[in-house]
Structure formats: structure tokens, C-alpha cells
Amino acid sequence: MYSEQIRGAWFGIHFFLLTAVCSAGVFWLIAEGSTILPSTCDEYARKAELGATWCLGKQAAASNLVRRCIATYLHAAGIQAGYSFFAPNIPSQHRLTLELLHADGRIEYELPHVRSKAAALRLDTLLDKLAEERYEPVREVLVKMLAFSVWREHADVKKIRATFDSVSSPDMNQFEQGKGETFQPMFSFDFSVSDAQK
């Protein structure tokens, strides 16, 4: 009897947290204007997203014990990312181009390498997240990691410029006229061989 109550309470807590994670993701998409809903919904969705993230303890200080316990449980249960992590992605709306400057003056352009379709999907999702302002402090570190994974394959490269672009696909009329994607630079970072030692 007592163990059934514990299991019922555990299920209730788990289901509540799962619902909060998914709700936060859905409301964030609406607030960002990524749905067909009218823009008048954006403000309400932003407030609802804040409510959902509050339930997850994300409004509390990083050192808060409740926030840390919730985050630990979400990661242990594998529900911290919501449905969007598993959903099929449309092609990425962002691109990271690596300009490799070789010791002899040659310049090559490469994209970050992946070894599987699953890794490609995760890279696309990562690039989409890097475009958001809330990831500003970690952008350089993540871009540096991607750049140096390519640098290891090119020992004579002295400098890498990583440029992050927003990709705009042509509409149907532009496509019929033969126009392709356009790229708008958002930010860039320069890395040298000395940075690799850090």
C-alpha cells in the first residue's frame, strides 16, 4: 500500500517535469515566431515559457539545491531536452564555414565534419542554438572546438577563421528563377595555432 503511494507520487512528479520541459520548448517556439500562429501570441507564449521554466527551477540561482536536484533528475531520466531533440529537423538555417590559412599561403574552406546522420542532426541543432543570444558566452568555446577538430586533419594550417552565417532559402519564385540560398554573416572568430595549445 505504502509502496504504491510512493510509486504514484514518483510518477506524478516525473510526468509533471516531463510536461514542463515539453511545454517550455513549445512555448519557446511560439514566442520565437517559429509557428504559423499569429504574432499576437508571442508575448503570451513568452510568459508561459517563463512559467514552465520556473517549474523546472531555472529562475533560481545556479547554486540553488532544488534547481540542481531537478536538473540532475532531468538529465538522469533523459528528459531535459524535450521532444525537439528527437523530432525530425528541417535543414539547418545556419552554417559554420571554416577558412583554413595554410603555411604556404593557400586558403581552403571547409565545414565541420561529422561521421553519421545522427551526428549531422545534432550539429544542425547545435548551430541553430548558437544563433540565439542566450548562448553568447559559450559560442566561442564551441566554435573553437569545431574548428580544431578540423585543424587536427591539416597540420600545416596556421590560422582558422570560423564564420557563422544565417542561411535564407529562396522562395518559390526565386527558386524558379534559379536563385539559390543567401548567406548573412552573424559573427566570426579567428584562431591561430597558438590557441590550440590552450
Protein backbone atom coordinates (compact mmCIF):
# COMPACT_ATOMS: atom_id res chain seq x y z
CA MET A 1 0.00 0.00 0.00
CA TYR A 2 2.69 2.45 1.08
CA SER A 3 4.96 1.49 -1.87
CA GLU A 4 2.07 2.12 -4.29
CA GLN A 5 1.71 5.64 -2.92
CA ILE A 6 5.43 6.24 -3.40
CA ARG A 7 5.28 4.94 -6.97
CA GLY A 8 2.21 7.08 -7.67
CA ALA A 9 3.90 10.20 -6.28
CA TRP A 10 7.08 9.45 -8.27
CA PHE A 11 5.05 9.01 -11.45
CA GLY A 12 3.24 12.29 -10.77
CA ILE A 13 6.49 14.20 -10.26
CA HIS A 14 8.08 12.62 -13.34
CA PHE A 15 5.03 13.38 -15.51
CA PHE A 16 4.87 16.95 -14.19
CA LEU A 17 8.56 17.59 -15.02
CA LEU A 18 8.20 15.98 -18.45
CA THR A 19 5.19 18.19 -19.18
CA ALA A 20 7.06 21.31 -18.00
CA VAL A 21 10.07 20.55 -20.25
CA CYS A 22 7.89 19.95 -23.30
CA SER A 23 5.72 23.00 -22.58
CA ALA A 24 8.78 25.24 -22.23
CA GLY A 25 10.01 24.04 -25.64
CA VAL A 26 6.65 24.54 -27.35
CA PHE A 27 6.11 27.99 -25.84
CA TRP A 28 9.65 29.00 -26.81
CA LEU A 29 8.96 28.03 -30.45
CA ILE A 30 5.75 30.07 -30.43
CA ALA A 31 7.47 33.07 -28.80
CA GLU A 32 10.25 32.97 -31.41
CA GLY A 33 7.67 33.13 -34.22
CA SER A 34 8.60 29.66 -35.49
CA THR A 35 4.97 28.54 -35.87
CA ILE A 36 2.02 29.57 -38.01
CA LEU A 37 0.33 31.19 -35.02
CA PRO A 38 -0.16 34.99 -35.25
CA SER A 39 2.49 37.24 -33.72
CA THR A 40 -0.05 38.40 -31.11
CA CYS A 41 0.58 35.05 -29.38
CA ASP A 42 4.31 35.74 -28.94
CA GLU A 43 4.01 37.78 -25.73
CA TYR A 44 1.67 35.25 -24.08
CA ALA A 45 3.92 32.39 -25.16
CA ARG A 46 6.96 34.13 -23.64
CA LYS A 47 5.14 34.45 -20.30
CA ALA A 48 4.02 30.81 -20.47
CA GLU A 49 7.60 29.74 -21.24
CA LEU A 50 8.83 31.63 -18.17
CA GLY A 51 6.18 29.84 -16.10
CA ALA A 52 7.27 26.44 -17.39
CA THR A 53 10.96 27.18 -16.78
CA TRP A 54 10.07 28.42 -13.28
CA CYS A 55 8.53 25.00 -12.58
CA LEU A 56 11.88 23.50 -13.58
CA GLY A 57 13.74 25.77 -11.17
CA LYS A 58 15.59 27.63 -13.93
CA GLN A 59 14.73 31.04 -12.46
CA ALA A 60 16.59 30.17 -9.25
CA ALA A 61 20.30 30.75 -8.73
CA ALA A 62 22.62 28.16 -10.27
CA SER A 63 23.72 27.10 -6.79
CA ASN A 64 20.12 26.53 -5.60
CA LEU A 65 19.73 22.95 -4.31
CA VAL A 66 16.20 22.48 -5.73
CA ARG A 67 17.33 23.66 -9.18
CA ARG A 68 20.33 21.33 -9.09
CA CYS A 69 18.22 18.34 -7.97
CA ILE A 70 15.67 18.94 -10.74
CA ALA A 71 18.41 19.36 -13.37
CA THR A 72 20.16 16.18 -12.19
CA TYR A 73 16.93 14.20 -12.36
CA LEU A 74 16.04 15.56 -15.82
CA HIS A 75 19.46 14.60 -17.18
CA ALA A 76 19.42 11.18 -15.50
CA ALA A 77 15.95 10.47 -16.91
CA GLY A 78 16.92 11.80 -20.36
CA ILE A 79 14.05 14.28 -20.48
CA GLN A 80 15.96 17.55 -20.21
CA ALA A 81 15.69 18.37 -23.93
CA GLY A 82 12.02 17.75 -24.65
CA TYR A 83 10.62 16.46 -27.91
CA SER A 84 12.53 18.89 -30.14
CA PHE A 85 15.74 16.88 -29.61
CA PHE A 86 14.17 13.80 -31.19
CA ALA A 87 11.90 15.47 -33.73
CA PRO A 88 12.90 15.44 -37.39
CA ASN A 89 14.68 18.69 -38.18
CA ILE A 90 14.21 20.76 -41.27
CA PRO A 91 17.55 21.67 -42.88
CA SER A 92 19.68 23.98 -40.77
CA GLN A 93 19.11 27.71 -41.08
CA HIS A 94 22.71 28.39 -40.08
CA ARG A 95 26.12 27.47 -41.43
CA LEU A 96 29.60 27.45 -39.94
CA THR A 97 32.35 27.90 -42.54
CA LEU A 98 35.98 27.33 -41.64
CA GLU A 99 38.57 29.28 -43.65
CA LEU A 100 41.90 27.46 -43.32
CA LEU A 101 45.06 29.52 -43.94
CA HIS A 102 47.97 27.17 -44.70
CA ALA A 103 51.63 27.96 -44.01
CA ASP A 104 52.31 28.33 -47.77
CA GLY A 105 49.54 30.94 -48.16
CA ARG A 106 46.87 28.62 -49.59
CA ILE A 107 43.31 29.11 -48.37
CA GLU A 108 40.79 26.30 -48.11
CA TYR A 109 37.17 26.35 -46.99
CA GLU A 110 35.65 23.51 -45.02
CA LEU A 111 32.59 22.73 -42.97
CA PRO A 112 32.71 20.88 -39.64
CA HIS A 113 32.97 17.11 -40.19
CA VAL A 114 30.50 14.55 -38.89
CA ARG A 115 30.63 10.77 -39.09
CA SER A 116 26.95 9.83 -39.09
CA LYS A 117 23.49 11.12 -39.88
CA ALA A 118 22.73 11.32 -36.17
CA ALA A 119 25.81 13.49 -35.62
CA ALA A 120 24.77 15.71 -38.54
CA LEU A 121 21.35 16.21 -36.97
CA ARG A 122 22.95 17.11 -33.64
CA LEU A 123 25.36 19.52 -35.37
CA ASP A 124 22.44 21.25 -37.14
CA THR A 125 20.63 21.60 -33.82
CA LEU A 126 23.79 22.94 -32.15
CA LEU A 127 24.27 25.54 -34.91
CA ASP A 128 20.66 26.67 -34.55
CA LYS A 129 21.17 27.07 -30.78
CA LEU A 130 24.42 29.02 -31.23
CA ALA A 131 22.48 31.71 -33.10
CA GLU A 132 20.45 32.52 -30.00
CA GLU A 133 21.67 35.39 -27.84
CA ARG A 134 21.37 33.38 -24.64
CA TYR A 135 24.29 31.19 -25.78
CA GLU A 136 26.68 34.13 -26.29
CA PRO A 137 29.13 33.13 -23.51
CA VAL A 138 29.66 29.62 -24.90
CA ARG A 139 29.76 30.44 -28.62
CA GLU A 140 33.50 30.96 -28.90
CA VAL A 141 34.35 27.81 -26.96
CA LEU A 142 32.04 25.59 -29.05
CA VAL A 143 33.15 27.14 -32.35
CA LYS A 144 36.78 26.70 -31.29
CA MET A 145 36.17 23.01 -30.58
CA LEU A 146 34.60 22.52 -34.01
CA ALA A 147 37.42 24.45 -35.71
CA PHE A 148 40.20 22.47 -34.02
CA SER A 149 38.57 19.15 -34.85
CA VAL A 150 39.15 20.13 -38.50
CA TRP A 151 42.57 21.65 -37.73
CA ARG A 152 43.87 18.26 -36.50
CA GLU A 153 43.45 16.93 -40.05
CA HIS A 154 45.50 19.78 -41.54
CA ALA A 155 48.81 20.01 -39.68
CA ASP A 156 50.18 22.90 -41.78
CA VAL A 157 47.26 25.24 -41.06
CA LYS A 158 48.46 28.37 -39.24
CA LYS A 159 45.17 30.19 -38.80
CA ILE A 160 41.47 29.38 -38.93
CA ARG A 161 38.68 31.90 -39.36
CA ALA A 162 35.30 30.49 -38.36
CA THR A 163 32.36 32.41 -39.84
CA PHE A 164 28.82 31.77 -38.69
CA ASP A 165 26.15 32.64 -41.27
CA SER A 166 22.38 32.83 -41.28
CA VAL A 167 21.04 30.94 -44.30
CA SER A 168 18.00 32.24 -46.18
CA SER A 169 16.36 29.87 -48.62
CA PRO A 170 14.80 31.31 -51.80
CA ASP A 171 11.05 31.45 -52.08
CA MET A 172 9.30 29.50 -54.86
CA ASN A 173 9.53 32.34 -57.42
CA GLN A 174 13.21 32.95 -56.70
CA PHE A 175 13.91 29.21 -56.94
CA GLU A 176 12.22 29.04 -60.35
CA GLN A 177 14.45 31.91 -61.48
CA GLY A 178 17.50 29.88 -60.49
CA LYS A 179 18.39 31.78 -57.32
CA GLY A 180 19.98 29.81 -54.51
CA GLU A 181 20.48 30.29 -50.81
CA THR A 182 21.84 33.58 -49.48
CA PHE A 183 24.17 33.85 -46.50
CA GLN A 184 24.25 36.66 -43.96
CA PRO A 185 27.30 36.66 -41.63
CA MET A 186 26.33 36.83 -37.94
CA PHE A 187 29.71 36.54 -36.21
CA SER A 188 33.22 35.19 -36.74
CA PHE A 189 36.21 34.09 -34.69
CA ASP A 190 39.90 33.87 -35.60
CA PHE A 191 42.03 31.07 -34.14
CA SER A 192 45.76 30.55 -34.52
CA VAL A 193 47.97 27.54 -33.90
CA SER A 194 48.96 29.01 -30.52
CA ASP A 195 45.27 28.84 -29.48
CA ALA A 196 45.40 25.06 -29.96
CA GLN A 197 47.81 24.73 -27.05
CA LYS A 198 45.31 26.40 -24.66
